[in-house]
Amino acid sequence: MLSIFLQTLTITLPVFAMLFLGVFLKRVGMIDPNFIHTATNLVFNVSMPVMLFLAILHADLDTSLQPGVLGYFVMATLAGFLLAWGWAIWHCPRADRGVYVQGAFRGNNGIIGLALATSLYGHYGLSLGGVLGGLVILCYNSLSTVVLEVYNPNSRTNAWHITLSILRNPLILSVLLAMPFSYWKIELPAWLLTSGDYLASLSLPLALICIGGTLSLASLRASGMTAVSASLMKMVWLPLLGTLGAFFCGFRNAELGILFLYFASPTAAASFVMARAAGGNHELAGAIIVITTLMAVVTTNIGLFILQWGGWI
């Protein structure tokens, strides 16, 4: 378990390093709100779509396309989304509900979940995790667009407008575009892949620096129990329910372990980018990312210890 703990730290510590770098750069005046606005638009519209396209392009569909695992994850994600939304309606101010729901159900599977799955299960973890990641991207971005548009003060909330918002989402479009390339193994020029890698490598550090640039003790205090409640939902209740459901559905070994890691991943940095693009409370989104990333070091290791102790993974 010590090796798993250290592996979790090696993944989460760079995230915190980028967050604190953003705090520092804002404090010394090297970045400002205009930079943050421009940079988050760049991440949302350019670098992150390229990163997702390349992730799907390199996924090994032949060895890791498991309908049972994929179908269960979709159903569990939808159930968790509806549970978080119902809880938000009951406990959360209307203006913050969209950001709350997104922070409570959307995990950082492309970075933390996939890295831990690969660490535990090697090539199989990378392959199954990569294919699952493509499905995750579609689910998370579609559901996030719906709930953010419903509570967007500048949006016309109707089915047609929400559908258009989903279809125009650059993150969703990049995944849909990548699927035929991955399925038919269409080769792209090496120079284009290299350029894509350059763009993709901007996504996570730039998004995290922007999050750090918006964080302050005042904003964390203002987020208060709303951020804590969303974080507990993301890191405790939904992983517990999702993993128990997978156990009773008969999943064991690597499949159960990978499902747990994906359910237990902290909130994705993309949630900050989407919240800001939708006119939501991006400071609350940033606070949820920070709290869940801190919690992941503890909750992920506890969950893996229990599953390994029981001989189920």
Protein backbone atom coordinates (compact mmCIF):
# COMPACT_ATOMS: atom_id res chain seq x y z
CA MET A 1 0.00 0.00 0.00
CA LEU A 2 2.96 2.32 0.52
CA SER A 3 3.77 2.10 -3.19
CA ILE A 4 0.16 3.03 -4.07
CA PHE A 5 0.29 5.95 -1.63
CA LEU A 6 3.54 7.20 -3.15
CA GLN A 7 2.14 6.74 -6.67
CA THR A 8 -0.91 8.83 -5.73
CA LEU A 9 1.38 11.53 -4.37
CA THR A 10 3.50 11.61 -7.53
CA ILE A 11 0.32 12.29 -9.52
CA THR A 12 -1.32 14.82 -7.21
CA LEU A 13 1.75 16.84 -6.17
CA PRO A 14 2.39 18.23 -9.68
CA VAL A 15 -1.25 19.35 -9.74
CA PHE A 16 -0.73 21.31 -6.55
CA ALA A 17 2.56 22.70 -7.86
CA MET A 18 0.73 24.24 -10.84
CA LEU A 19 -2.08 25.54 -8.62
CA PHE A 20 0.34 27.26 -6.26
CA LEU A 21 2.31 28.62 -9.21
CA GLY A 22 -0.90 30.29 -10.38
CA VAL A 23 -1.42 31.78 -6.91
CA PHE A 24 2.16 33.07 -6.87
CA LEU A 25 2.03 34.53 -10.40
CA LYS A 26 -1.20 36.34 -9.59
CA ARG A 27 0.24 37.72 -6.36
CA VAL A 28 3.38 39.11 -8.06
CA GLY A 29 1.32 40.59 -10.90
CA MET A 30 2.56 38.37 -13.74
CA ILE A 31 -0.98 37.21 -14.55
CA ASP A 32 -4.25 39.10 -14.21
CA PRO A 33 -7.99 38.51 -14.86
CA ASN A 34 -7.56 39.37 -18.55
CA PHE A 35 -4.85 36.73 -18.94
CA ILE A 36 -6.96 34.17 -17.09
CA HIS A 37 -9.96 34.87 -19.31
CA THR A 38 -7.91 34.57 -22.50
CA ALA A 39 -6.02 31.49 -21.32
CA THR A 40 -9.14 29.59 -20.27
CA ASN A 41 -10.69 30.32 -23.68
CA LEU A 42 -7.53 28.96 -25.33
CA VAL A 43 -7.66 25.79 -23.22
CA PHE A 44 -11.39 25.22 -23.78
CA ASN A 45 -11.42 25.89 -27.52
CA VAL A 46 -7.99 24.70 -28.68
CA SER A 47 -5.54 22.83 -26.47
CA MET A 48 -7.91 20.61 -24.49
CA PRO A 49 -9.87 19.46 -27.58
CA VAL A 50 -6.53 18.51 -29.19
CA MET A 51 -5.52 16.63 -26.03
CA LEU A 52 -8.78 14.64 -26.03
CA PHE A 53 -8.52 13.92 -29.76
CA LEU A 54 -5.06 12.45 -29.30
CA ALA A 55 -6.16 10.42 -26.25
CA ILE A 56 -8.91 8.75 -28.27
CA LEU A 57 -6.68 8.38 -31.33
CA HIS A 58 -4.11 6.36 -29.34
CA ALA A 59 -6.65 4.20 -27.45
CA ASP A 60 -6.42 0.44 -28.11
CA LEU A 61 -10.01 -0.44 -29.04
CA ASP A 62 -9.27 -4.01 -30.14
CA THR A 63 -8.20 -5.37 -26.76
CA SER A 64 -10.17 -3.19 -24.39
CA LEU A 65 -13.67 -2.70 -25.78
CA GLN A 66 -15.71 -4.26 -22.96
CA PRO A 67 -19.43 -3.45 -23.29
CA GLY A 68 -20.25 -4.58 -19.75
CA VAL A 69 -17.74 -2.26 -18.09
CA LEU A 70 -18.54 0.63 -20.42
CA GLY A 71 -22.31 0.20 -20.03
CA TYR A 72 -22.10 0.03 -16.25
CA PHE A 73 -19.95 3.15 -16.07
CA VAL A 74 -22.42 5.11 -18.21
CA MET A 75 -25.36 4.07 -16.05
CA ALA A 76 -23.48 4.76 -12.80
CA THR A 77 -22.35 8.17 -14.09
CA LEU A 78 -25.91 9.12 -15.05
CA ALA A 79 -27.22 7.94 -11.66
CA GLY A 80 -24.51 9.92 -9.83
CA PHE A 81 -25.26 13.00 -11.92
CA LEU A 82 -28.98 12.83 -11.10
CA LEU A 83 -28.26 12.19 -7.42
CA ALA A 84 -25.91 15.19 -7.25
CA TRP A 85 -28.46 17.37 -9.06
CA GLY A 86 -31.25 16.33 -6.72
CA TRP A 87 -29.07 17.07 -3.70
CA ALA A 88 -28.08 20.46 -5.17
CA ILE A 89 -31.74 21.44 -5.67
CA TRP A 90 -32.37 20.69 -2.01
CA HIS A 91 -29.21 22.16 -0.45
CA CYS A 92 -27.54 24.59 -2.88
CA PRO A 93 -28.33 28.18 -3.94
CA ARG A 94 -29.78 28.21 -7.45
CA ALA A 95 -26.94 30.27 -8.93
CA ASP A 96 -24.35 27.67 -7.82
CA ARG A 97 -26.25 24.48 -8.66
CA GLY A 98 -24.71 23.89 -12.08
CA VAL A 99 -21.15 24.28 -10.77
CA TYR A 100 -21.97 22.15 -7.70
CA VAL A 101 -23.33 19.27 -9.79
CA GLN A 102 -20.42 19.34 -12.23
CA GLY A 103 -17.89 19.39 -9.40
CA ALA A 104 -19.67 16.55 -7.60
CA PHE A 105 -19.78 14.02 -10.45
CA ARG A 106 -17.02 14.89 -12.95
CA GLY A 107 -13.70 13.16 -12.27
CA ASN A 108 -10.16 13.77 -13.48
CA ASN A 109 -10.00 10.38 -15.19
CA GLY A 110 -7.82 11.46 -18.10
CA ILE A 111 -4.94 12.30 -15.74
CA ILE A 112 -5.28 10.74 -12.29
CA GLY A 113 -7.65 7.83 -12.98
CA LEU A 114 -5.77 6.65 -16.07
CA ALA A 115 -2.34 7.08 -14.45
CA LEU A 116 -3.33 4.98 -11.42
CA ALA A 117 -5.01 2.34 -13.59
CA THR A 118 -1.81 2.05 -15.63
CA SER A 119 0.31 1.88 -12.48
CA LEU A 120 -1.78 -0.97 -11.05
CA TYR A 121 -2.54 -3.00 -14.18
CA GLY A 122 0.09 -2.05 -16.75
CA HIS A 123 -0.80 -2.19 -20.43
CA TYR A 124 -4.25 -3.63 -19.73
CA GLY A 125 -5.01 -0.76 -17.37
CA LEU A 126 -3.81 1.74 -19.97
CA SER A 127 -5.91 0.16 -22.75
CA LEU A 128 -9.15 -0.32 -20.82
CA GLY A 129 -8.67 3.01 -19.05
CA GLY A 130 -8.05 4.79 -22.35
CA VAL A 131 -11.19 3.38 -24.00
CA LEU A 132 -13.22 4.06 -20.87
CA GLY A 133 -11.76 7.57 -20.85
CA GLY A 134 -13.20 8.29 -24.30
CA LEU A 135 -16.67 7.33 -23.12
CA VAL A 136 -16.16 9.31 -19.93
CA ILE A 137 -15.35 12.44 -21.92
CA LEU A 138 -18.59 12.22 -23.89
CA CYS A 139 -20.69 11.56 -20.78
CA TYR A 140 -19.08 14.19 -18.58
CA ASN A 141 -19.08 16.97 -21.14
CA SER A 142 -22.64 16.31 -22.33
CA LEU A 143 -24.08 16.17 -18.81
CA SER A 144 -21.99 19.15 -17.66
CA THR A 145 -23.20 21.21 -20.61
CA VAL A 146 -26.81 20.39 -19.75
CA VAL A 147 -26.63 21.35 -16.09
CA LEU A 148 -24.48 24.47 -16.67
CA GLU A 149 -26.82 25.72 -19.40
CA VAL A 150 -29.88 25.18 -17.21
CA TYR A 151 -28.40 27.52 -14.57
CA ASN A 152 -26.56 29.88 -16.95
CA PRO A 153 -28.02 33.35 -16.30
CA ASN A 154 -27.35 34.36 -19.92
CA SER A 155 -28.79 31.23 -21.52
CA ARG A 156 -32.19 30.57 -23.06
CA THR A 157 -33.02 27.32 -21.29
CA ASN A 158 -34.85 25.07 -23.72
CA ALA A 159 -34.19 21.65 -25.18
CA TRP A 160 -33.08 22.97 -28.58
CA HIS A 161 -30.62 25.50 -27.12
CA ILE A 162 -29.12 22.89 -24.77
CA THR A 163 -28.78 20.41 -27.66
CA LEU A 164 -26.97 23.04 -29.72
CA SER A 165 -24.68 23.80 -26.77
CA ILE A 166 -23.75 20.11 -26.54
CA LEU A 167 -23.15 19.80 -30.29
CA ARG A 168 -21.02 22.96 -30.31
CA ASN A 169 -18.92 21.97 -27.31
CA PRO A 170 -15.30 21.76 -28.57
CA LEU A 171 -14.48 18.94 -26.13
CA ILE A 172 -17.34 16.78 -27.38
CA LEU A 173 -16.63 17.59 -31.03
CA SER A 174 -12.99 16.54 -30.63
CA VAL A 175 -13.99 13.13 -29.22
CA LEU A 176 -16.57 12.51 -31.95
CA LEU A 177 -14.05 13.49 -34.59
CA ALA A 178 -11.37 11.21 -33.12
CA MET A 179 -13.52 8.06 -32.97
CA PRO A 180 -13.43 7.17 -36.70
CA PHE A 181 -9.68 7.88 -36.79
CA SER A 182 -9.16 5.48 -33.88
CA TYR A 183 -11.59 2.80 -35.09
CA TRP A 184 -10.23 2.62 -38.65
CA LYS A 185 -6.64 3.30 -37.52
CA ILE A 186 -6.23 6.27 -39.82
CA GLU A 187 -2.62 7.43 -39.74
CA LEU A 188 -1.84 11.12 -39.33
CA PRO A 189 1.45 12.72 -40.42
CA ALA A 190 4.16 12.61 -37.78
CA TRP A 191 4.64 16.38 -37.92
CA LEU A 192 0.93 16.90 -37.24
CA LEU A 193 0.99 14.54 -34.25
CA THR A 194 4.05 16.32 -32.87
CA SER A 195 2.36 19.70 -33.22
CA GLY A 196 -0.75 18.26 -31.57
CA ASP A 197 1.34 17.02 -28.66
CA TYR A 198 2.77 20.52 -28.21
CA LEU A 199 -0.75 21.97 -28.04
CA ALA A 200 -2.09 19.19 -25.82
CA SER A 201 0.73 19.66 -23.32
CA LEU A 202 -0.53 23.19 -22.66
CA SER A 203 -3.92 22.04 -21.39
CA LEU A 204 -3.40 20.84 -17.84
CA PRO A 205 -0.68 23.25 -16.64
CA LEU A 206 -2.38 26.29 -18.17
CA ALA A 207 -5.80 25.33 -16.77
CA LEU A 208 -4.31 24.73 -13.31
CA ILE A 209 -2.38 28.02 -13.35
CA CYS A 210 -5.64 29.82 -14.18
CA ILE A 211 -7.39 28.04 -11.32
CA GLY A 212 -4.60 29.07 -8.96
CA GLY A 213 -4.85 32.62 -10.25
CA THR A 214 -8.50 32.82 -9.20
CA LEU A 215 -8.02 31.21 -5.80
CA SER A 216 -7.69 33.15 -2.60
CA LEU A 217 -8.47 32.54 1.05
CA ALA A 218 -11.47 34.81 0.64
CA SER A 219 -12.84 32.78 -2.28
CA LEU A 220 -12.24 29.50 -0.45
CA ARG A 221 -14.05 30.84 2.62
CA ALA A 222 -16.87 32.16 0.43
CA SER A 223 -17.28 28.73 -1.15
CA GLY A 224 -17.49 27.28 2.35
CA MET A 225 -19.79 24.35 2.95
CA THR A 226 -20.99 24.32 -0.66
CA ALA A 227 -17.50 23.32 -1.85
CA VAL A 228 -17.09 20.85 1.03
CA SER A 229 -20.46 19.25 0.31
CA ALA A 230 -19.66 18.82 -3.41
CA SER A 231 -16.24 17.43 -2.51
CA LEU A 232 -17.68 14.85 -0.11
CA MET A 233 -20.18 13.84 -2.77
CA LYS A 234 -17.36 13.43 -5.32
CA MET A 235 -14.79 11.69 -3.14
CA VAL A 236 -16.87 9.63 -0.68
CA TRP A 237 -20.52 9.00 -1.52
CA LEU A 238 -20.49 8.54 -5.30
CA PRO A 239 -17.33 6.33 -5.35
CA LEU A 240 -18.82 4.23 -2.52
CA LEU A 241 -22.16 3.75 -4.28
CA GLY A 242 -20.61 3.23 -7.71
CA THR A 243 -18.10 0.65 -6.49
CA LEU A 244 -20.68 -1.23 -4.41
CA GLY A 245 -22.94 -1.34 -7.46
CA ALA A 246 -20.08 -2.71 -9.58
CA PHE A 247 -19.32 -5.34 -6.91
CA PHE A 248 -22.91 -6.57 -6.79
CA CYS A 249 -23.04 -6.61 -10.60
CA GLY A 250 -20.23 -9.17 -10.51
CA PHE A 251 -17.20 -7.11 -11.50
CA ARG A 252 -13.93 -8.29 -9.95
CA ASN A 253 -10.15 -7.98 -10.33
CA ALA A 254 -8.84 -5.34 -12.79
CA GLU A 255 -12.30 -4.32 -13.99
CA LEU A 256 -13.50 -3.54 -10.45
CA GLY A 257 -10.23 -1.82 -9.60
CA ILE A 258 -10.31 0.42 -12.66
CA LEU A 259 -13.98 1.30 -12.11
CA PHE A 260 -13.17 2.29 -8.53
CA LEU A 261 -10.22 4.45 -9.60
CA TYR A 262 -12.38 6.25 -12.15
CA PHE A 263 -15.21 6.82 -9.67
CA ALA A 264 -12.72 7.99 -7.01
CA SER A 265 -10.77 10.48 -9.14
CA PRO A 266 -10.88 14.11 -7.92
CA THR A 267 -12.79 16.75 -9.86
CA ALA A 268 -11.34 17.49 -13.30
CA ALA A 269 -9.62 20.79 -14.08
CA ALA A 270 -11.86 21.03 -17.15
CA SER A 271 -14.79 21.73 -14.83
CA PHE A 272 -13.23 25.14 -14.03
CA VAL A 273 -12.84 25.92 -17.73
CA MET A 274 -16.42 24.95 -18.54
CA ALA A 275 -17.85 26.77 -15.52
CA ARG A 276 -16.11 29.98 -16.54
CA ALA A 277 -17.17 29.59 -20.18
CA ALA A 278 -20.80 29.12 -19.07
CA GLY A 279 -20.80 32.17 -16.78
CA GLY A 280 -20.89 30.04 -13.63
CA ASN A 281 -19.19 30.49 -10.26
CA HIS A 282 -15.67 29.55 -11.37
CA GLU A 283 -14.25 30.34 -7.92
CA LEU A 284 -16.48 27.62 -6.45
CA ALA A 285 -15.35 25.28 -9.24
CA GLY A 286 -11.70 25.99 -8.39
CA ALA A 287 -12.28 25.42 -4.67
CA ILE A 288 -13.89 22.01 -5.38
CA ILE A 289 -10.91 21.00 -7.53
CA VAL A 290 -8.45 21.92 -4.76
CA ILE A 291 -10.39 20.15 -1.98
CA THR A 292 -11.06 16.94 -3.95
CA THR A 293 -7.43 16.72 -5.09
CA LEU A 294 -6.32 16.95 -1.46
CA MET A 295 -8.86 14.32 -0.42
CA ALA A 296 -7.81 11.93 -3.20
CA VAL A 297 -4.50 11.18 -1.51
CA VAL A 298 -6.43 9.72 1.44
CA THR A 299 -9.66 8.32 -0.02
CA THR A 300 -8.05 6.57 -3.01
CA ASN A 301 -5.61 4.71 -0.80
CA ILE A 302 -8.30 3.73 1.71
CA GLY A 303 -10.50 2.39 -1.08
CA LEU A 304 -7.68 0.39 -2.68
CA PHE A 305 -6.66 -1.02 0.70
CA ILE A 306 -10.19 -2.27 1.40
CA LEU A 307 -10.59 -3.79 -2.08
CA GLN A 308 -7.19 -5.52 -1.88
CA TRP A 309 -7.78 -6.67 1.70
CA GLY A 310 -11.01 -8.34 0.58
CA GLY A 311 -9.27 -10.02 -2.35
CA TRP A 312 -11.66 -8.40 -4.84
CA ILE A 313 -9.06 -6.68 -7.04
